[in-house]
């Protein structure tokens, strides 16, 4: 120990002489070193005398001589200065493809019309995309009827027609959006023997189910949109999905519903499958799930974009009068009210200027006006009327 102290003292003295410090300082430093050594050794001695375990500082954490060494510049290492990045300068991590962006939906009006989305887990994703798309529309809200692992084929499937009809009659449903079918692949219909998938009898039974479901909704005088299945990364699955889509389209259109085909939307320019593609903002994003069948959030958002476009066409927007239509014809939507002035009729309409005999031939008003030069009678009493009547009606 004394040898160590002498070496330390000589080392410090040499450093002091080079820096021009009085010899009185090394003496003080040597005393301080002795006290430090005693302080380090004392706890061990006390611990050993008390019968307890010896507690030593962790390797690399002992600080007995470091302050003294640093006083004279021994063992100093310069640490690089740390720079803190302000939150505004921090790089934002990109949102995960399966994560919906945070958004605040506008409070819905108590009389808001309902868009009912029904089907399997793909329909659930479309519903989430529609909620995001219609977040700022107070006069419309999105509800769901989801059986994630069910379709139309096989035993124990839901009675979709009954369940959807009950929701229509219990809520102010204005339109129904359907998407299902991915769980109907290779599923037979009951029978003796069972009706195997993709046979002629299976197609007939499945088509009958599609038509019955669409018809039950249309009989409630509600608009209906059926979303077709997308292309996948498996050629065999694509063949099966193409078959189902043909049945969906036929059953929907024969009952005056709207079929939304998303097949080509999710193919490359060369007609090939790709998990990535442009999102609704035109940016390249991952649109398909890892199984190459389902969608990511951005993919469902893209499907919802095309569904919402058709809903807007069918319902005329989402304002106060958007959902007002003619009860006996769901395909006829009055966008600006139920009454129209006679002068709003197209030329040749039933306003008294319809087809009349002209030299023995029935001529309509358009021909009489544009070709024969005959003036068209305007509504009486209008400000621009050129017809003058004498007082008393003479």
Protein backbone atom coordinates (compact mmCIF):
# COMPACT_ATOMS: atom_id res chain seq x y z
CA UNK A 1 0.00 0.00 0.00
CA UNK A 2 2.84 2.39 0.93
CA UNK A 3 4.57 1.57 -2.33
CA UNK A 4 1.41 2.48 -4.19
CA UNK A 5 1.13 5.76 -2.31
CA UNK A 6 4.72 6.68 -3.10
CA UNK A 7 4.21 6.02 -6.78
CA UNK A 8 1.07 8.11 -6.79
CA UNK A 9 2.80 10.90 -4.95
CA UNK A 10 5.75 10.91 -7.33
CA UNK A 11 3.40 10.90 -10.31
CA UNK A 12 1.37 13.78 -8.96
CA UNK A 13 4.50 15.71 -7.93
CA UNK A 14 5.90 15.49 -11.44
CA UNK A 15 2.62 16.74 -12.85
CA UNK A 16 2.56 19.58 -10.34
CA UNK A 17 6.11 20.69 -11.12
CA UNK A 18 5.30 20.85 -14.81
CA UNK A 19 2.28 23.04 -14.05
CA UNK A 20 4.11 25.25 -11.53
CA UNK A 21 2.08 24.33 -8.44
CA UNK A 22 3.53 24.60 -4.90
CA UNK A 23 4.85 21.47 -3.20
CA UNK A 24 2.39 22.05 -0.45
CA UNK A 25 -0.38 20.76 -2.66
CA UNK A 26 1.05 17.24 -3.17
CA UNK A 27 1.17 16.78 0.56
CA UNK A 28 -2.48 17.58 0.83
CA UNK A 29 -3.25 15.31 -2.05
CA UNK A 30 -1.34 12.39 -0.52
CA UNK A 31 -3.31 12.87 2.68
CA UNK A 32 -6.54 12.89 0.76
CA UNK A 33 -5.51 9.70 -1.04
CA UNK A 34 -4.79 7.97 2.26
CA UNK A 35 -8.17 8.99 3.61
CA UNK A 36 -9.78 7.72 0.42
CA UNK A 37 -8.07 4.36 0.70
CA UNK A 38 -9.07 4.07 4.32
CA UNK A 39 -12.66 4.93 3.42
CA UNK A 40 -12.68 2.24 0.77
CA UNK A 41 -11.22 -0.38 3.04
CA UNK A 42 -13.25 0.54 6.11
CA UNK A 43 -16.64 -0.77 4.85
CA UNK A 44 -15.06 -4.12 4.01
CA UNK A 45 -13.53 -4.35 7.43
CA UNK A 46 -16.79 -3.40 9.11
CA UNK A 47 -18.74 -5.85 6.99
CA UNK A 48 -16.31 -8.65 7.77
CA UNK A 49 -16.29 -7.89 11.47
CA UNK A 50 -20.07 -7.94 11.63
CA UNK A 51 -20.23 -11.36 10.04
CA UNK A 52 -22.07 -10.11 6.99
CA UNK A 53 -21.26 -10.59 3.32
CA UNK A 54 -18.70 -8.35 1.75
CA UNK A 55 -20.39 -5.82 -0.52
CA UNK A 56 -18.09 -4.41 -3.16
CA UNK A 57 -18.77 -1.83 -5.82
CA UNK A 58 -19.71 -3.18 -9.18
CA UNK A 59 -16.86 -3.40 -11.69
CA UNK A 60 -16.27 -0.12 -13.39
CA UNK A 61 -18.36 1.84 -10.86
CA UNK A 62 -15.63 2.61 -8.27
CA UNK A 63 -15.00 6.35 -8.02
CA UNK A 64 -12.35 6.51 -5.24
CA UNK A 65 -9.52 8.07 -7.28
CA UNK A 66 -11.32 9.42 -10.29
CA UNK A 67 -12.01 12.93 -8.90
CA UNK A 68 -8.35 13.33 -7.97
CA UNK A 69 -7.11 12.07 -11.31
CA UNK A 70 -9.49 14.31 -13.20
CA UNK A 71 -8.29 17.30 -11.16
CA UNK A 72 -4.94 17.02 -12.92
CA UNK A 73 -6.19 15.81 -16.25
CA UNK A 74 -5.51 12.06 -15.81
CA UNK A 75 -7.98 9.63 -17.37
CA UNK A 76 -10.09 12.32 -18.97
CA UNK A 77 -12.13 11.25 -21.99
CA UNK A 78 -14.14 13.77 -23.91
CA UNK A 79 -17.68 12.65 -24.58
CA UNK A 80 -19.36 13.79 -27.75
CA UNK A 81 -21.93 16.49 -27.17
CA UNK A 82 -25.49 15.23 -27.25
CA UNK A 83 -27.91 17.03 -29.51
CA UNK A 84 -31.59 16.84 -28.77
CA UNK A 85 -34.07 16.86 -31.61
CA UNK A 86 -37.20 18.86 -31.06
CA UNK A 87 -40.52 17.05 -31.58
CA UNK A 88 -41.18 19.16 -34.67
CA UNK A 89 -37.89 18.04 -36.20
CA UNK A 90 -38.32 14.39 -35.29
CA UNK A 91 -38.92 12.06 -38.22
CA UNK A 92 -42.43 10.63 -38.07
CA UNK A 93 -42.65 6.90 -38.41
CA UNK A 94 -44.85 5.76 -41.28
CA UNK A 95 -48.23 4.35 -40.29
CA UNK A 96 -48.46 0.56 -40.46
CA UNK A 97 -50.46 -0.71 -43.43
CA UNK A 98 -52.95 -2.53 -41.19
CA UNK A 99 -53.49 0.43 -38.87
CA UNK A 100 -56.29 2.91 -39.47
CA UNK A 101 -55.30 6.57 -39.18
CA UNK A 102 -56.61 8.47 -36.20
CA UNK A 103 -59.64 10.56 -37.09
CA UNK A 104 -62.48 12.34 -35.35
CA UNK A 105 -65.92 11.54 -36.76
CA UNK A 106 -68.45 14.31 -36.98
CA UNK A 107 -71.40 13.82 -34.59
CA UNK A 108 -74.21 12.06 -36.41
CA UNK A 109 -77.67 13.54 -36.70
CA UNK A 110 -80.40 11.60 -34.82
CA UNK A 111 -82.20 11.20 -38.14
CA UNK A 112 -79.10 10.09 -40.03
CA UNK A 113 -79.66 7.41 -42.65
CA UNK A 114 -77.97 4.03 -42.13
CA UNK A 115 -75.68 2.22 -44.53
CA UNK A 116 -75.80 -1.44 -43.42
CA UNK A 117 -72.68 -3.44 -44.35
CA UNK A 118 -73.18 -7.23 -44.10
CA UNK A 119 -70.93 -10.20 -44.77
CA UNK A 120 -67.71 -11.81 -43.58
CA UNK A 121 -64.45 -10.25 -42.33
CA UNK A 122 -63.89 -8.60 -45.71
CA UNK A 123 -67.20 -6.76 -45.29
CA UNK A 124 -66.02 -5.70 -41.84
CA UNK A 125 -62.94 -4.09 -43.38
CA UNK A 126 -65.05 -2.29 -45.98
CA UNK A 127 -67.29 -0.96 -43.20
CA UNK A 128 -64.28 0.51 -41.42
CA UNK A 129 -63.19 2.14 -44.64
CA UNK A 130 -66.67 3.61 -45.14
CA UNK A 131 -66.72 4.97 -41.59
CA UNK A 132 -63.50 6.81 -42.33
CA UNK A 133 -64.78 8.05 -45.70
CA UNK A 134 -68.10 9.25 -44.26
CA UNK A 135 -66.67 10.61 -41.01
CA UNK A 136 -67.58 14.20 -41.91
CA UNK A 137 -71.13 13.36 -43.08
CA UNK A 138 -73.59 14.01 -40.28
CA UNK A 139 -76.60 12.66 -42.18
CA UNK A 140 -75.28 9.13 -42.69
CA UNK A 141 -73.75 6.49 -40.46
CA UNK A 142 -72.44 2.98 -41.03
CA UNK A 143 -73.71 -0.11 -39.18
CA UNK A 144 -72.61 -3.72 -39.62
CA UNK A 145 -73.98 -7.25 -39.63
CA UNK A 146 -70.88 -9.44 -39.65
CA UNK A 147 -70.31 -13.21 -39.48
CA UNK A 148 -66.57 -13.28 -40.09
CA UNK A 149 -66.17 -16.93 -41.08
CA UNK A 150 -69.48 -17.51 -42.87
CA UNK A 151 -70.84 -17.26 -46.38
CA UNK A 152 -73.76 -18.79 -48.26
CA UNK A 153 -72.68 -22.42 -48.73
CA UNK A 154 -72.60 -25.32 -46.31
CA UNK A 155 -74.51 -26.21 -43.18
CA UNK A 156 -75.01 -23.82 -40.29
CA UNK A 157 -74.64 -20.63 -42.32
CA UNK A 158 -76.59 -17.58 -41.15
CA UNK A 159 -80.01 -16.80 -42.52
CA UNK A 160 -78.75 -13.63 -44.10
CA UNK A 161 -82.08 -12.61 -45.59
CA UNK A 162 -83.95 -12.83 -42.29
CA UNK A 163 -81.25 -11.04 -40.30
CA UNK A 164 -80.83 -8.21 -42.79
CA UNK A 165 -84.59 -7.74 -43.18
CA UNK A 166 -84.95 -7.46 -39.40
CA UNK A 167 -82.29 -4.76 -39.33
CA UNK A 168 -83.93 -2.90 -42.19
CA UNK A 169 -87.29 -2.86 -40.43
CA UNK A 170 -85.75 -1.91 -37.10
CA UNK A 171 -83.49 0.90 -38.31
CA UNK A 172 -83.61 3.67 -40.86
CA UNK A 173 -81.54 1.69 -43.36
CA UNK A 174 -81.15 3.42 -46.72
CA UNK A 175 -78.80 1.00 -48.45
CA UNK A 176 -77.21 -2.42 -47.89
CA UNK A 177 -73.64 -3.29 -48.87
CA UNK A 178 -72.75 -6.99 -49.16
CA UNK A 179 -69.36 -8.68 -49.40
CA UNK A 180 -68.81 -12.38 -48.74
CA UNK A 181 -67.80 -15.63 -50.41
CA UNK A 182 -64.17 -16.31 -49.49
CA UNK A 183 -65.28 -18.99 -47.02
CA UNK A 184 -67.50 -20.77 -49.57
CA UNK A 185 -64.62 -22.33 -51.50
CA UNK A 186 -64.72 -26.15 -51.53
CA UNK A 187 -67.80 -26.12 -49.28
CA UNK A 188 -70.51 -28.56 -50.48
CA UNK A 189 -74.25 -28.20 -50.13
CA UNK A 190 -76.10 -30.80 -48.11
CA UNK A 191 -77.64 -33.67 -50.03
CA UNK A 192 -77.48 -37.40 -50.69
CA UNK A 193 -74.81 -37.42 -51.93
CA UNK A 194 -73.57 -33.90 -51.02
CA UNK A 195 -73.48 -31.37 -53.82
CA UNK A 196 -69.78 -30.82 -54.42
CA UNK A 197 -68.23 -27.41 -54.95
CA UNK A 198 -68.09 -25.93 -58.45
CA UNK A 199 -70.31 -28.59 -60.02
CA UNK A 200 -73.28 -27.54 -62.13
CA UNK A 201 -75.70 -28.41 -59.32
CA UNK A 202 -73.59 -26.47 -56.82
CA UNK A 203 -73.59 -23.39 -59.04
CA UNK A 204 -77.35 -23.64 -59.41
CA UNK A 205 -77.88 -23.91 -55.64
CA UNK A 206 -75.46 -21.08 -54.89
CA UNK A 207 -76.99 -18.83 -57.54
CA UNK A 208 -80.41 -19.46 -56.01
CA UNK A 209 -79.10 -18.34 -52.61
CA UNK A 210 -77.62 -15.16 -54.06
CA UNK A 211 -80.84 -14.27 -55.87
CA UNK A 212 -82.97 -14.96 -52.81
CA UNK A 213 -80.81 -12.72 -50.62
CA UNK A 214 -80.79 -9.85 -53.09
CA UNK A 215 -84.53 -10.19 -53.71
CA UNK A 216 -85.33 -10.09 -49.99
CA UNK A 217 -83.49 -6.78 -49.65
CA UNK A 218 -84.95 -5.25 -52.79
CA UNK A 219 -88.45 -6.18 -51.69
CA UNK A 220 -87.88 -3.84 -48.75
CA UNK A 221 -87.30 -1.08 -51.34
CA UNK A 222 -83.69 -0.56 -50.32
CA UNK A 223 -80.69 0.11 -52.48
CA UNK A 224 -78.18 -2.74 -52.61
CA UNK A 225 -74.52 -2.93 -53.55
CA UNK A 226 -72.71 -6.26 -53.82
CA UNK A 227 -68.91 -5.99 -53.76
CA UNK A 228 -67.11 -8.65 -55.78
CA UNK A 229 -64.13 -10.67 -54.55
CA UNK A 230 -60.61 -9.46 -55.47
CA UNK A 231 -57.80 -11.25 -57.31
CA UNK A 232 -55.40 -13.20 -55.10
CA UNK A 233 -51.87 -14.54 -55.27
CA UNK A 234 -53.12 -18.09 -55.93
CA UNK A 235 -54.22 -18.97 -59.50
CA UNK A 236 -56.57 -21.74 -58.29
CA UNK A 237 -58.25 -19.37 -55.85
CA UNK A 238 -58.59 -16.84 -58.63
CA UNK A 239 -60.50 -19.37 -60.71
CA UNK A 240 -62.91 -20.04 -57.84
CA UNK A 241 -63.33 -16.34 -57.07
CA UNK A 242 -64.08 -15.64 -60.72
CA UNK A 243 -66.86 -18.23 -60.61
CA UNK A 244 -68.38 -16.72 -57.47
CA UNK A 245 -68.16 -13.20 -58.87
CA UNK A 246 -70.10 -14.22 -61.95
CA UNK A 247 -72.87 -15.58 -59.72
CA UNK A 248 -72.85 -12.47 -57.53
CA UNK A 249 -73.10 -10.17 -60.53
CA UNK A 250 -75.88 -12.12 -62.23
CA UNK A 251 -77.99 -12.43 -59.07
CA UNK A 252 -77.52 -8.75 -58.18
CA UNK A 253 -78.22 -7.22 -61.56
CA UNK A 254 -81.27 -9.37 -62.31
CA UNK A 255 -82.84 -7.89 -59.17
CA UNK A 256 -81.80 -4.33 -60.06
CA UNK A 257 -79.01 -4.14 -57.53
CA UNK A 258 -75.56 -2.68 -58.16
CA UNK A 259 -72.52 -4.94 -58.52
CA UNK A 260 -69.12 -3.32 -57.81
CA UNK A 261 -66.29 -5.10 -59.61
CA UNK A 262 -62.92 -4.55 -57.87
CA UNK A 263 -60.96 -7.21 -59.80
CA UNK A 264 -59.03 -5.02 -62.22
CA UNK A 265 -58.51 -2.33 -59.60
CA UNK A 266 -56.06 -4.56 -57.72
CA UNK A 267 -54.07 -5.81 -60.70
CA UNK A 268 -50.95 -4.32 -62.21
CA UNK A 269 -50.86 -2.83 -65.69
CA UNK A 270 -49.79 -6.26 -66.92
CA UNK A 271 -52.81 -7.91 -65.30
CA UNK A 272 -50.77 -9.54 -62.52
CA UNK A 273 -51.30 -9.75 -58.77
CA UNK A 274 -49.27 -7.38 -56.62
CA UNK A 275 -49.58 -6.75 -52.89
CA UNK A 276 -48.63 -3.12 -53.47
CA UNK A 277 -50.29 -0.45 -55.54
CA UNK A 278 -51.63 3.10 -55.50
CA UNK A 279 -53.88 3.98 -52.58
CA UNK A 280 -56.79 6.43 -52.79
CA UNK A 281 -54.30 9.32 -52.67
CA UNK A 282 -52.22 7.89 -55.50
CA UNK A 283 -49.31 6.91 -53.25
CA UNK A 284 -47.76 3.48 -53.49
CA UNK A 285 -48.77 1.43 -50.45
CA UNK A 286 -49.25 -2.14 -49.33
CA UNK A 287 -52.86 -2.98 -50.17
CA UNK A 288 -53.08 -6.74 -49.61
CA UNK A 289 -52.66 -8.82 -46.49
CA UNK A 290 -49.90 -11.38 -45.97
CA UNK A 291 -52.24 -14.23 -47.03
CA UNK A 292 -52.62 -12.53 -50.45
CA UNK A 293 -56.40 -12.75 -50.15
CA UNK A 294 -57.49 -10.12 -47.64
CA UNK A 295 -56.67 -6.42 -47.56
CA UNK A 296 -54.65 -4.11 -45.40
CA UNK A 297 -56.31 -0.98 -44.04
CA UNK A 298 -55.20 0.95 -47.12
CA UNK A 299 -56.67 -1.79 -49.31
CA UNK A 300 -60.05 -1.74 -47.55
CA UNK A 301 -60.00 2.04 -47.72
CA UNK A 302 -59.60 1.76 -51.49
CA UNK A 303 -62.51 -0.69 -51.80
CA UNK A 304 -64.62 1.63 -49.66
CA UNK A 305 -63.77 4.51 -51.99
CA UNK A 306 -65.43 2.75 -54.94
CA UNK A 307 -68.36 1.59 -52.80
CA UNK A 308 -68.98 5.11 -51.52
CA UNK A 309 -68.91 6.44 -55.06
CA UNK A 310 -71.77 4.11 -56.02
CA UNK A 311 -73.66 4.94 -52.82
CA UNK A 312 -73.44 8.62 -53.67
CA UNK A 313 -74.82 7.94 -57.14
CA UNK A 314 -77.69 5.84 -55.84
CA UNK A 315 -78.61 8.06 -52.91
CA UNK A 316 -77.73 11.42 -54.41
CA UNK A 317 -75.31 12.46 -51.70
CA UNK A 318 -75.85 12.68 -47.95
CA UNK A 319 -77.68 15.95 -47.41
CA UNK A 320 -81.03 16.50 -45.74
CA UNK A 321 -83.04 15.41 -48.80
CA UNK A 322 -80.57 12.91 -50.18
CA UNK A 323 -82.44 9.82 -49.06
CA UNK A 324 -85.86 10.95 -50.24
CA UNK A 325 -87.04 8.74 -53.09
CA UNK A 326 -90.11 7.22 -54.67
CA UNK A 327 -91.37 4.43 -52.42
CA UNK A 328 -92.54 2.09 -55.15
CA UNK A 329 -89.31 2.30 -57.19
CA UNK A 330 -85.98 2.15 -55.34
CA UNK A 331 -84.12 2.98 -58.54
CA UNK A 332 -85.83 6.37 -58.84
CA UNK A 333 -84.30 8.91 -56.47
CA UNK A 334 -85.60 12.48 -56.32
CA UNK A 335 -82.62 14.65 -55.46
CA UNK A 336 -84.32 18.06 -55.22
CA UNK A 337 -87.77 17.29 -53.86
CA UNK A 338 -90.93 15.75 -55.22
CA UNK A 339 -92.49 18.69 -57.05
CA UNK A 340 -91.40 20.25 -60.33
CA UNK A 341 -92.76 23.21 -62.25
CA UNK A 342 -94.32 22.50 -65.65
CA UNK A 343 -91.64 24.58 -67.39
CA UNK A 344 -88.95 22.23 -66.06
CA UNK A 345 -90.15 19.49 -68.38
CA UNK A 346 -87.99 18.66 -71.36
CA UNK A 347 -89.06 19.84 -74.75
CA UNK A 348 -91.55 17.34 -76.09
CA UNK A 349 -92.88 16.36 -72.69
CA UNK A 350 -96.55 15.94 -71.85
CA UNK A 351 -97.32 19.64 -71.51
CA UNK A 352 -99.86 20.00 -74.26
CA UNK A 353 -97.18 20.39 -76.91
CA UNK A 354 -96.71 16.70 -77.53
CA UNK A 355 -97.09 14.93 -80.90
CA UNK A 356 -99.90 16.43 -83.01
CA UNK A 357 -101.01 15.77 -86.58
CA UNK A 358 -99.18 17.89 -89.12
CA UNK A 359 -100.27 17.42 -92.68
CA UNK A 360 -101.55 14.01 -91.70
CA UNK A 361 -98.32 12.97 -89.87
CA UNK A 362 -97.81 12.98 -86.10
CA UNK A 363 -95.02 15.46 -85.35
CA UNK A 364 -93.60 16.01 -81.87
CA UNK A 365 -92.87 19.40 -80.33
CA UNK A 366 -89.11 19.20 -80.89
CA UNK A 367 -89.53 18.76 -84.65
CA UNK A 368 -92.15 21.50 -84.84
CA UNK A 369 -89.86 23.89 -82.94
CA UNK A 370 -86.46 23.20 -84.50
CA UNK A 371 -87.40 22.20 -88.04
CA UNK A 372 -90.77 23.72 -88.76
CA UNK A 373 -90.06 26.92 -86.78
CA UNK A 374 -93.27 26.80 -84.81
CA UNK A 375 -93.14 28.84 -81.58
CA UNK A 376 -93.54 26.89 -78.40
CA UNK A 377 -96.25 27.98 -76.00
CA UNK A 378 -94.83 29.06 -72.65
CA UNK A 379 -96.56 28.74 -69.30
CA UNK A 380 -99.22 31.36 -68.78
CA UNK A 381 -98.58 34.09 -66.27
CA UNK A 382 -94.79 33.80 -66.25
CA UNK A 383 -92.79 37.06 -66.29
CA UNK A 384 -91.26 36.39 -69.70
CA UNK A 385 -94.55 35.44 -71.32
CA UNK A 386 -95.19 37.30 -74.59
CA UNK A 387 -98.86 36.46 -74.60
CA UNK A 388 -100.96 39.47 -73.68
CA UNK A 389 -104.53 39.11 -72.61
CA UNK A 390 -106.90 42.00 -72.49
CA UNK A 391 -108.58 42.73 -69.20
CA UNK A 392 -111.61 40.54 -68.72
CA UNK A 393 -109.97 37.62 -70.54
CA UNK A 394 -110.90 38.77 -74.09
